[in-house]
Amino acid sequence: MAEEPLSSVDIRILEQIQKDSSLSTSDLADRVGLSQSPCWRRLQRLKDEGYIKGQVALLDRHKFGASLMLFAYLKMTTLTDEKRAEFLRKIEITPEILECHSLFGEKDIMLKVVAPSMEWYQKFIFNVILKLPGVVDIQSTVTLTELKSTTAIPLRGSKAL
């Protein structure tokens, strides 16, 4: 089944659920100018076609003692396929690592990590990060203030253009 192109109504639906995925179908329909049944069908199609990967609750990390946000930049050795798979498994099962990205440039991997304190993070470096397969160097950046944080992707083009 071929995917239908996104309509302006589809875009409005996606924008609204990026702001609040807990909206009832009735409330969502009101916000995008549809009746409830067509809105539900469009929402189901957007899920079925993979535009919507999942729906989650965003928690305040500070309420759970994760007051620090850090970025760890890793330099890696060349890994075998098995070691690369082991590295990814260990990243996946470590809840304090929120994101992992491969990089183009001087460092190979960037990790986004939450931590309760610098002392905790120092132990985390030695007990977890430096024990990951292939890690030969680490450089960390500690954020001072979170100026912007969003999970919403822009759906109507860049305002900079």
N, C-alpha and C. Protein backbone atom coordinates (compact mmCIF):
# COMPACT_ATOMS: atom_id res chain seq x y z
N MET A 1 0.85 -1.18 0.00
CA MET A 1 0.00 0.00 0.00
C MET A 1 0.89 1.24 0.00
N ALA A 2 0.71 2.10 -0.98
CA ALA A 2 1.52 3.31 -1.09
C ALA A 2 1.05 4.35 -0.08
N GLU A 3 2.02 5.09 0.44
CA GLU A 3 1.68 6.15 1.39
C GLU A 3 1.07 7.33 0.64
N GLU A 4 0.04 7.91 1.26
CA GLU A 4 -0.55 9.12 0.72
C GLU A 4 0.32 10.30 1.14
N PRO A 5 0.41 11.34 0.29
CA PRO A 5 1.16 12.52 0.73
C PRO A 5 0.45 13.18 1.91
N LEU A 6 1.22 13.88 2.73
CA LEU A 6 0.63 14.56 3.88
C LEU A 6 -0.14 15.79 3.44
N SER A 7 -1.36 15.92 3.93
CA SER A 7 -2.17 17.09 3.65
C SER A 7 -1.91 18.15 4.72
N SER A 8 -2.46 19.33 4.53
CA SER A 8 -2.33 20.38 5.54
C SER A 8 -3.02 19.97 6.84
N VAL A 9 -4.10 19.19 6.74
CA VAL A 9 -4.78 18.70 7.95
C VAL A 9 -3.88 17.69 8.68
N ASP A 10 -3.22 16.81 7.92
CA ASP A 10 -2.29 15.85 8.53
C ASP A 10 -1.19 16.60 9.28
N ILE A 11 -0.66 17.64 8.67
CA ILE A 11 0.39 18.45 9.30
C ILE A 11 -0.14 19.07 10.59
N ARG A 12 -1.36 19.61 10.56
CA ARG A 12 -1.94 20.21 11.77
C ARG A 12 -2.11 19.16 12.87
N ILE A 13 -2.54 17.97 12.49
CA ILE A 13 -2.68 16.89 13.47
C ILE A 13 -1.33 16.59 14.10
N LEU A 14 -0.30 16.43 13.27
CA LEU A 14 1.04 16.12 13.78
C LEU A 14 1.58 17.24 14.67
N GLU A 15 1.34 18.49 14.29
CA GLU A 15 1.78 19.61 15.12
C GLU A 15 1.10 19.58 16.48
N GLN A 16 -0.19 19.31 16.50
CA GLN A 16 -0.93 19.29 17.76
C GLN A 16 -0.48 18.14 18.68
N ILE A 17 -0.27 16.97 18.11
CA ILE A 17 0.12 15.86 19.00
C ILE A 17 1.58 15.97 19.43
N GLN A 18 2.40 16.72 18.68
CA GLN A 18 3.76 16.99 19.16
C GLN A 18 3.71 17.90 20.39
N LYS A 19 2.72 18.76 20.46
CA LYS A 19 2.57 19.65 21.62
C LYS A 19 1.97 18.89 22.80
N ASP A 20 0.98 18.02 22.52
CA ASP A 20 0.30 17.30 23.60
C ASP A 20 -0.30 16.01 23.03
N SER A 21 0.41 14.91 23.24
CA SER A 21 -0.07 13.63 22.69
C SER A 21 -1.19 13.03 23.53
N SER A 22 -1.51 13.66 24.66
CA SER A 22 -2.58 13.13 25.50
C SER A 22 -3.96 13.66 25.11
N LEU A 23 -4.04 14.49 24.07
CA LEU A 23 -5.33 15.01 23.62
C LEU A 23 -6.26 13.87 23.24
N SER A 24 -7.51 14.00 23.63
CA SER A 24 -8.50 13.03 23.18
C SER A 24 -8.71 13.26 21.68
N THR A 25 -9.24 12.25 21.00
CA THR A 25 -9.52 12.40 19.58
C THR A 25 -10.51 13.54 19.35
N SER A 26 -11.45 13.70 20.27
CA SER A 26 -12.44 14.78 20.16
C SER A 26 -11.77 16.15 20.25
N ASP A 27 -10.88 16.33 21.23
CA ASP A 27 -10.17 17.61 21.37
C ASP A 27 -9.25 17.87 20.18
N LEU A 28 -8.57 16.81 19.73
CA LEU A 28 -7.68 16.95 18.58
C LEU A 28 -8.49 17.34 17.34
N ALA A 29 -9.63 16.70 17.14
CA ALA A 29 -10.49 17.02 16.00
C ALA A 29 -10.93 18.48 16.04
N ASP A 30 -11.31 18.98 17.22
CA ASP A 30 -11.70 20.39 17.36
C ASP A 30 -10.56 21.32 16.98
N ARG A 31 -9.34 20.97 17.41
CA ARG A 31 -8.19 21.86 17.15
C ARG A 31 -7.79 21.90 15.68
N VAL A 32 -8.06 20.82 14.95
CA VAL A 32 -7.65 20.80 13.54
C VAL A 32 -8.81 21.00 12.57
N GLY A 33 -10.01 21.18 13.10
CA GLY A 33 -11.15 21.49 12.26
C GLY A 33 -11.78 20.29 11.57
N LEU A 34 -11.80 19.14 12.23
CA LEU A 34 -12.43 17.94 11.68
C LEU A 34 -13.46 17.42 12.67
N SER A 35 -14.30 16.51 12.18
CA SER A 35 -15.14 15.78 13.13
C SER A 35 -14.31 14.61 13.66
N GLN A 36 -14.80 13.97 14.71
CA GLN A 36 -14.00 12.99 15.43
C GLN A 36 -13.61 11.77 14.59
N SER A 37 -14.54 11.19 13.84
CA SER A 37 -14.23 9.97 13.08
C SER A 37 -13.16 10.18 12.01
N PRO A 38 -13.28 11.22 11.16
CA PRO A 38 -12.22 11.43 10.17
C PRO A 38 -10.87 11.74 10.83
N CYS A 39 -10.90 12.44 11.96
CA CYS A 39 -9.66 12.74 12.67
C CYS A 39 -9.02 11.44 13.16
N TRP A 40 -9.81 10.54 13.74
CA TRP A 40 -9.30 9.27 14.23
C TRP A 40 -8.70 8.45 13.08
N ARG A 41 -9.40 8.42 11.92
CA ARG A 41 -8.90 7.67 10.77
C ARG A 41 -7.57 8.23 10.28
N ARG A 42 -7.46 9.55 10.22
CA ARG A 42 -6.19 10.17 9.79
C ARG A 42 -5.07 9.85 10.78
N LEU A 43 -5.38 9.93 12.07
CA LEU A 43 -4.40 9.63 13.10
C LEU A 43 -3.92 8.18 12.99
N GLN A 44 -4.84 7.26 12.77
CA GLN A 44 -4.48 5.85 12.60
C GLN A 44 -3.60 5.66 11.37
N ARG A 45 -3.94 6.34 10.26
CA ARG A 45 -3.13 6.24 9.04
C ARG A 45 -1.72 6.75 9.29
N LEU A 46 -1.60 7.88 10.02
CA LEU A 46 -0.29 8.45 10.32
C LEU A 46 0.54 7.49 11.18
N LYS A 47 -0.11 6.77 12.07
CA LYS A 47 0.58 5.76 12.88
C LYS A 47 0.97 4.57 12.00
N ASP A 48 0.02 4.09 11.21
CA ASP A 48 0.28 2.91 10.36
C ASP A 48 1.40 3.16 9.37
N GLU A 49 1.51 4.39 8.87
CA GLU A 49 2.54 4.71 7.87
C GLU A 49 3.86 5.12 8.51
N GLY A 50 3.93 5.10 9.83
CA GLY A 50 5.20 5.35 10.51
C GLY A 50 5.56 6.80 10.76
N TYR A 51 4.64 7.73 10.49
CA TYR A 51 4.91 9.14 10.80
C TYR A 51 4.96 9.34 12.31
N ILE A 52 4.16 8.58 13.03
CA ILE A 52 4.13 8.65 14.49
C ILE A 52 4.80 7.37 15.00
N LYS A 53 5.98 7.53 15.61
CA LYS A 53 6.74 6.37 16.09
C LYS A 53 6.25 5.88 17.44
N GLY A 54 5.71 6.77 18.25
CA GLY A 54 5.25 6.39 19.58
C GLY A 54 4.74 7.63 20.29
N GLN A 55 4.13 7.41 21.43
CA GLN A 55 3.64 8.52 22.24
C GLN A 55 4.14 8.29 23.67
N VAL A 56 4.76 9.33 24.24
CA VAL A 56 5.39 9.20 25.55
C VAL A 56 5.03 10.39 26.43
N ALA A 57 5.31 10.22 27.72
CA ALA A 57 5.20 11.33 28.67
C ALA A 57 6.61 11.88 28.88
N LEU A 58 6.77 13.19 28.83
CA LEU A 58 8.07 13.82 29.08
C LEU A 58 8.15 14.17 30.56
N LEU A 59 9.13 13.61 31.24
CA LEU A 59 9.26 13.80 32.68
C LEU A 59 10.29 14.89 32.99
N ASP A 60 10.15 15.52 34.12
CA ASP A 60 11.11 16.52 34.59
C ASP A 60 12.25 15.80 35.29
N ARG A 61 13.42 15.75 34.66
CA ARG A 61 14.55 15.00 35.20
C ARG A 61 14.98 15.49 36.57
N HIS A 62 14.79 16.78 36.85
CA HIS A 62 15.18 17.34 38.14
C HIS A 62 14.39 16.72 39.29
N LYS A 63 13.15 16.36 39.05
CA LYS A 63 12.30 15.75 40.09
C LYS A 63 12.83 14.37 40.50
N PHE A 64 13.68 13.80 39.65
CA PHE A 64 14.23 12.47 39.89
C PHE A 64 15.71 12.50 40.24
N GLY A 65 16.22 13.70 40.55
CA GLY A 65 17.60 13.84 40.99
C GLY A 65 18.63 13.90 39.89
N ALA A 66 18.21 13.95 38.63
CA ALA A 66 19.17 14.03 37.52
C ALA A 66 19.38 15.50 37.17
N SER A 67 20.11 16.19 38.02
CA SER A 67 20.25 17.64 37.87
C SER A 67 21.25 18.05 36.79
N LEU A 68 22.17 17.16 36.43
CA LEU A 68 23.19 17.51 35.43
C LEU A 68 22.89 16.86 34.08
N MET A 69 23.13 17.62 33.02
CA MET A 69 23.07 17.10 31.66
C MET A 69 24.48 17.23 31.10
N LEU A 70 25.00 16.13 30.59
CA LEU A 70 26.36 16.11 30.07
C LEU A 70 26.38 15.51 28.68
N PHE A 71 27.38 15.91 27.92
CA PHE A 71 27.63 15.31 26.62
C PHE A 71 29.03 14.72 26.67
N ALA A 72 29.14 13.44 26.40
CA ALA A 72 30.42 12.75 26.40
C ALA A 72 30.78 12.44 24.95
N TYR A 73 31.96 12.90 24.55
CA TYR A 73 32.46 12.68 23.19
C TYR A 73 33.53 11.60 23.26
N LEU A 74 33.31 10.51 22.53
CA LEU A 74 34.20 9.35 22.61
C LEU A 74 35.02 9.20 21.35
N LYS A 75 36.30 8.88 21.54
CA LYS A 75 37.17 8.46 20.45
C LYS A 75 37.23 6.93 20.53
N MET A 76 37.03 6.28 19.41
CA MET A 76 36.93 4.82 19.39
C MET A 76 38.04 4.20 18.54
N THR A 77 38.39 2.96 18.86
CA THR A 77 39.24 2.16 17.98
C THR A 77 38.32 1.51 16.95
N THR A 78 38.90 0.93 15.96
CA THR A 78 38.11 0.18 14.98
C THR A 78 37.55 -1.06 15.66
N LEU A 79 36.26 -1.29 15.51
CA LEU A 79 35.60 -2.41 16.17
C LEU A 79 35.20 -3.49 15.17
N THR A 80 35.27 -4.73 15.61
CA THR A 80 34.73 -5.82 14.80
C THR A 80 33.20 -5.70 14.84
N ASP A 81 32.53 -6.41 14.00
CA ASP A 81 31.07 -6.40 14.01
C ASP A 81 30.53 -6.86 15.36
N GLU A 82 31.17 -7.85 15.95
CA GLU A 82 30.73 -8.36 17.26
C GLU A 82 30.91 -7.31 18.35
N LYS A 83 32.06 -6.64 18.35
CA LYS A 83 32.33 -5.61 19.37
C LYS A 83 31.42 -4.40 19.18
N ARG A 84 31.12 -4.05 17.93
CA ARG A 84 30.20 -2.95 17.66
C ARG A 84 28.81 -3.29 18.20
N ALA A 85 28.37 -4.51 17.98
CA ALA A 85 27.07 -4.96 18.49
C ALA A 85 27.07 -4.95 20.02
N GLU A 86 28.17 -5.37 20.64
CA GLU A 86 28.27 -5.35 22.11
C GLU A 86 28.22 -3.91 22.63
N PHE A 87 28.94 -3.00 21.96
CA PHE A 87 28.92 -1.58 22.33
C PHE A 87 27.48 -1.05 22.30
N LEU A 88 26.77 -1.31 21.22
CA LEU A 88 25.41 -0.83 21.08
C LEU A 88 24.47 -1.45 22.11
N ARG A 89 24.64 -2.72 22.42
CA ARG A 89 23.83 -3.37 23.46
C ARG A 89 24.04 -2.71 24.81
N LYS A 90 25.30 -2.43 25.14
CA LYS A 90 25.60 -1.81 26.43
C LYS A 90 25.06 -0.38 26.50
N ILE A 91 25.13 0.34 25.41
CA ILE A 91 24.55 1.70 25.36
C ILE A 91 23.04 1.60 25.58
N GLU A 92 22.42 0.67 24.90
CA GLU A 92 20.95 0.50 24.95
C GLU A 92 20.46 0.17 26.36
N ILE A 93 21.22 -0.60 27.13
CA ILE A 93 20.76 -1.03 28.45
C ILE A 93 21.18 -0.08 29.57
N THR A 94 21.87 1.01 29.25
CA THR A 94 22.31 1.96 30.27
C THR A 94 21.33 3.12 30.31
N PRO A 95 20.44 3.19 31.30
CA PRO A 95 19.37 4.19 31.29
C PRO A 95 19.85 5.63 31.41
N GLU A 96 21.01 5.85 31.99
CA GLU A 96 21.52 7.23 32.13
C GLU A 96 21.98 7.81 30.80
N ILE A 97 22.23 6.96 29.83
CA ILE A 97 22.57 7.42 28.48
C ILE A 97 21.27 7.60 27.73
N LEU A 98 20.89 8.87 27.51
CA LEU A 98 19.61 9.17 26.87
C LEU A 98 19.69 9.07 25.36
N GLU A 99 20.85 9.45 24.80
CA GLU A 99 21.03 9.43 23.35
C GLU A 99 22.45 9.02 23.02
N CYS A 100 22.61 8.44 21.85
CA CYS A 100 23.93 8.07 21.34
C CYS A 100 23.94 8.37 19.85
N HIS A 101 24.94 9.13 19.42
CA HIS A 101 25.05 9.52 18.01
C HIS A 101 26.46 9.22 17.51
N SER A 102 26.56 8.70 16.29
CA SER A 102 27.88 8.60 15.66
C SER A 102 28.17 9.93 15.01
N LEU A 103 29.44 10.32 15.01
CA LEU A 103 29.83 11.65 14.54
C LEU A 103 30.80 11.55 13.38
N PHE A 104 30.84 12.62 12.62
CA PHE A 104 31.82 12.80 11.57
C PHE A 104 32.78 13.87 12.07
N GLY A 105 34.03 13.53 12.24
CA GLY A 105 34.98 14.51 12.75
C GLY A 105 35.99 13.88 13.68
N GLU A 106 36.52 14.70 14.58
CA GLU A 106 37.59 14.27 15.48
C GLU A 106 37.15 13.16 16.45
N LYS A 107 35.94 13.27 16.98
CA LYS A 107 35.40 12.24 17.87
C LYS A 107 34.43 11.37 17.09
N ASP A 108 34.20 10.16 17.59
CA ASP A 108 33.40 9.19 16.86
C ASP A 108 31.97 9.05 17.37
N ILE A 109 31.78 9.24 18.66
CA ILE A 109 30.48 9.01 19.30
C ILE A 109 30.18 10.16 20.25
N MET A 110 28.91 10.57 20.30
CA MET A 110 28.47 11.55 21.29
C MET A 110 27.35 10.91 22.10
N LEU A 111 27.50 10.95 23.42
CA LEU A 111 26.48 10.44 24.33
C LEU A 111 25.85 11.60 25.08
N LYS A 112 24.56 11.57 25.24
CA LYS A 112 23.85 12.52 26.09
C LYS A 112 23.53 11.77 27.38
N VAL A 113 24.02 12.30 28.50
CA VAL A 113 23.95 11.59 29.77
C VAL A 113 23.32 12.49 30.83
N VAL A 114 22.47 11.92 31.69
CA VAL A 114 21.97 12.64 32.86
C VAL A 114 22.65 12.07 34.09
N ALA A 115 22.91 12.98 35.06
CA ALA A 115 23.63 12.57 36.25
C ALA A 115 23.17 13.39 37.46
N PRO A 116 23.22 12.79 38.64
CA PRO A 116 22.84 13.54 39.85
C PRO A 116 23.93 14.47 40.36
N SER A 117 25.21 14.16 40.05
CA SER A 117 26.31 14.98 40.56
C SER A 117 27.57 14.72 39.74
N MET A 118 28.55 15.60 39.89
CA MET A 118 29.83 15.41 39.20
C MET A 118 30.57 14.19 39.77
N GLU A 119 30.45 13.97 41.07
CA GLU A 119 31.09 12.80 41.68
C GLU A 119 30.52 11.51 41.08
N TRP A 120 29.19 11.49 40.94
CA TRP A 120 28.55 10.32 40.34
C TRP A 120 29.04 10.14 38.91
N TYR A 121 29.12 11.24 38.15
CA TYR A 121 29.53 11.15 36.74
C TYR A 121 30.97 10.66 36.63
N GLN A 122 31.84 11.09 37.52
CA GLN A 122 33.22 10.63 37.49
C GLN A 122 33.27 9.11 37.64
N LYS A 123 32.50 8.57 38.57
CA LYS A 123 32.44 7.11 38.74
C LYS A 123 31.84 6.44 37.51
N PHE A 124 30.82 7.07 36.92
CA PHE A 124 30.17 6.55 35.71
C PHE A 124 31.17 6.46 34.56
N ILE A 125 32.04 7.47 34.43
CA ILE A 125 33.06 7.44 33.37
C ILE A 125 33.95 6.21 33.53
N PHE A 126 34.45 6.00 34.76
CA PHE A 126 35.38 4.89 34.96
C PHE A 126 34.70 3.53 34.99
N ASN A 127 33.50 3.45 35.54
CA ASN A 127 32.84 2.16 35.70
C ASN A 127 31.99 1.74 34.52
N VAL A 128 31.61 2.70 33.67
CA VAL A 128 30.73 2.36 32.54
C VAL A 128 31.34 2.78 31.20
N ILE A 129 31.55 4.06 31.00
CA ILE A 129 31.94 4.54 29.67
C ILE A 129 33.28 3.99 29.23
N LEU A 130 34.29 4.08 30.10
CA LEU A 130 35.62 3.61 29.70
C LEU A 130 35.70 2.09 29.60
N LYS A 131 34.68 1.38 30.07
CA LYS A 131 34.64 -0.08 29.93
C LYS A 131 33.86 -0.51 28.69
N LEU A 132 33.30 0.45 27.95
CA LEU A 132 32.62 0.10 26.71
C LEU A 132 33.65 -0.37 25.69
N PRO A 133 33.31 -1.33 24.84
CA PRO A 133 34.26 -1.81 23.84
C PRO A 133 34.73 -0.70 22.91
N GLY A 134 36.07 -0.59 22.76
CA GLY A 134 36.65 0.31 21.78
C GLY A 134 36.87 1.74 22.22
N VAL A 135 36.44 2.13 23.41
CA VAL A 135 36.62 3.52 23.85
C VAL A 135 38.07 3.75 24.24
N VAL A 136 38.72 4.74 23.59
CA VAL A 136 40.12 5.04 23.91
C VAL A 136 40.28 6.43 24.52
N ASP A 137 39.28 7.30 24.34
CA ASP A 137 39.38 8.65 24.89
C ASP A 137 37.98 9.19 25.09
N ILE A 138 37.84 10.03 26.10
CA ILE A 138 36.56 10.66 26.37
C ILE A 138 36.79 12.12 26.72
N GLN A 139 35.91 12.96 26.20
CA GLN A 139 35.90 14.38 26.54
C GLN A 139 34.45 14.71 26.88
N SER A 140 34.24 15.37 28.02
CA SER A 140 32.87 15.65 28.46
C SER A 140 32.62 17.15 28.50
N THR A 141 31.39 17.51 28.24
CA THR A 141 30.91 18.88 28.37
C THR A 141 29.71 18.86 29.30
N VAL A 142 29.74 19.72 30.31
CA VAL A 142 28.64 19.82 31.26
C VAL A 142 27.82 21.05 30.89
N THR A 143 26.52 20.90 30.77
CA THR A 143 25.68 22.05 30.46
C THR A 143 25.43 22.86 31.72
N LEU A 144 25.38 24.18 31.58
CA LEU A 144 25.09 25.05 32.71
C LEU A 144 23.60 25.30 32.84
N THR A 145 22.97 25.65 31.73
CA THR A 145 21.54 25.95 31.71
C THR A 145 20.94 25.40 30.43
N GLU A 146 19.78 24.81 30.55
CA GLU A 146 19.06 24.34 29.37
C GLU A 146 18.24 25.50 28.83
N LEU A 147 18.65 26.06 27.70
CA LEU A 147 17.98 27.23 27.13
C LEU A 147 16.81 26.85 26.25
N LYS A 148 16.89 25.68 25.62
CA LYS A 148 15.78 25.19 24.81
C LYS A 148 15.87 23.67 24.78
N SER A 149 14.73 23.04 24.93
CA SER A 149 14.65 21.59 24.81
C SER A 149 13.29 21.26 24.22
N THR A 150 13.30 20.57 23.11
CA THR A 150 12.05 20.18 22.47
C THR A 150 12.24 18.83 21.79
N THR A 151 11.16 18.12 21.65
CA THR A 151 11.18 16.90 20.86
C THR A 151 10.43 17.11 19.54
N ALA A 152 9.83 18.29 19.38
CA ALA A 152 9.01 18.59 18.19
C ALA A 152 9.91 18.89 16.99
N ILE A 153 9.62 18.22 15.88
CA ILE A 153 10.35 18.54 14.65
C ILE A 153 9.54 19.55 13.85
N PRO A 154 10.22 20.47 13.15
CA PRO A 154 9.48 21.45 12.35
C PRO A 154 8.84 20.78 11.14
N LEU A 155 7.56 21.07 10.92
CA LEU A 155 6.82 20.41 9.84
C LEU A 155 6.46 21.34 8.69
N ARG A 156 6.69 22.62 8.84
CA ARG A 156 6.29 23.57 7.80
C ARG A 156 7.45 24.37 7.25
N GLY A 157 8.63 23.82 7.20
CA GLY A 157 9.78 24.54 6.65
C GLY A 157 10.45 25.41 7.69
N SER A 158 11.66 25.81 7.39
CA SER A 158 12.47 26.58 8.31
C SER A 158 12.11 28.06 8.27
N LYS A 159 12.06 28.69 9.43
CA LYS A 159 11.81 30.13 9.49
C LYS A 159 13.04 30.90 9.05
N ALA A 160 14.21 30.26 9.01
CA ALA A 160 15.44 30.92 8.62
C ALA A 160 15.53 31.10 7.10
N LEU A 161 14.75 30.35 6.36
CA LEU A 161 14.84 30.42 4.89
C LEU A 161 13.93 31.47 4.32
